[in-house]
Amino acid sequence: MTDEDLSFQTATQELDAILKKLDSDDVNIDSLTVDLQRASELIEWCRGRLETTRHEVERIVSDLDKD
């Protein structure tokens, strides 16, 4: 799945899975940097999606106030 096909829910579920892996007693040092990099990418994607949604909601509310 590419990030273009990603949904917010799927991204947060993947982040949750990474967090569980990192929080376990059996942290795989070999994949630690890969997991952290992916988590960083997902967090950045989620922040962008939240910001886009915030702007869309503000625009919709603003349009409602004009009527």
Protein backbone atom coordinates (compact mmCIF):
# COMPACT_ATOMS: atom_id res chain seq x y z
CA MET A 1 0.00 0.00 0.00
CA THR A 2 1.34 3.39 -0.94
CA ASP A 3 0.81 6.46 1.21
CA GLU A 4 -1.56 7.78 -1.48
CA ASP A 5 -3.84 4.80 -0.74
CA LEU A 6 -3.47 5.20 3.02
CA SER A 7 -6.42 6.11 5.21
CA PHE A 8 -6.09 7.88 8.53
CA GLN A 9 -7.45 4.82 10.32
CA THR A 10 -4.99 2.49 8.60
CA ALA A 11 -2.09 4.83 9.41
CA THR A 12 -3.00 4.98 13.09
CA GLN A 13 -3.41 1.20 13.20
CA GLU A 14 0.04 0.75 11.68
CA LEU A 15 1.46 3.24 14.18
CA ASP A 16 -0.18 1.32 17.00
CA ALA A 17 1.37 -1.93 15.75
CA ILE A 18 4.82 -0.33 15.59
CA LEU A 19 4.38 1.06 19.10
CA LYS A 20 3.45 -2.38 20.41
CA LYS A 21 6.57 -3.85 18.78
CA LEU A 22 8.75 -1.14 20.32
CA ASP A 23 7.09 -1.54 23.70
CA SER A 24 7.62 -5.30 23.84
CA ASP A 25 10.45 -6.96 25.70
CA ASP A 26 11.69 -8.47 22.43
CA VAL A 27 12.65 -5.33 20.52
CA ASN A 28 14.32 -6.36 17.28
CA ILE A 29 17.40 -4.15 17.08
CA ASP A 30 17.89 -5.07 13.42
CA SER A 31 14.56 -3.56 12.40
CA LEU A 32 14.44 -0.76 14.99
CA THR A 33 15.58 2.01 12.65
CA VAL A 34 13.21 0.81 9.90
CA ASP A 35 10.30 0.79 12.35
CA LEU A 36 11.18 4.22 13.71
CA GLN A 37 11.54 5.66 10.20
CA ARG A 38 8.15 4.27 9.18
CA ALA A 39 6.57 5.62 12.35
CA SER A 40 8.04 9.03 11.61
CA GLU A 41 6.64 8.94 8.06
CA LEU A 42 3.21 7.91 9.32
CA ILE A 43 3.14 10.63 11.98
CA GLU A 44 4.07 13.26 9.37
CA TRP A 45 1.38 11.92 7.00
CA CYS A 46 -1.25 12.01 9.78
CA ARG A 47 -0.30 15.56 10.74
CA GLY A 48 -0.71 16.64 7.13
CA ARG A 49 -4.07 14.91 6.85
CA LEU A 50 -5.27 16.51 10.08
CA GLU A 51 -4.15 19.94 8.87
CA THR A 52 -5.91 19.47 5.53
CA THR A 53 -9.08 18.37 7.27
CA ARG A 54 -8.92 21.34 9.65
CA HIS A 55 -8.69 23.75 6.71
CA GLU A 56 -11.59 22.03 4.95
CA VAL A 57 -13.78 22.20 8.07
CA GLU A 58 -12.91 25.87 8.60
CA ARG A 59 -13.83 26.63 4.99
CA ILE A 60 -17.14 24.80 5.28
CA VAL A 61 -18.01 26.56 8.54
CA SER A 62 -17.00 29.90 7.03
CA ASP A 63 -19.26 29.24 4.05
CA LEU A 64 -22.13 28.45 6.40
CA ASP A 65 -21.60 31.71 8.27
CA LYS A 66 -21.93 33.65 5.00
CA ASP A 67 -25.50 32.46 4.48
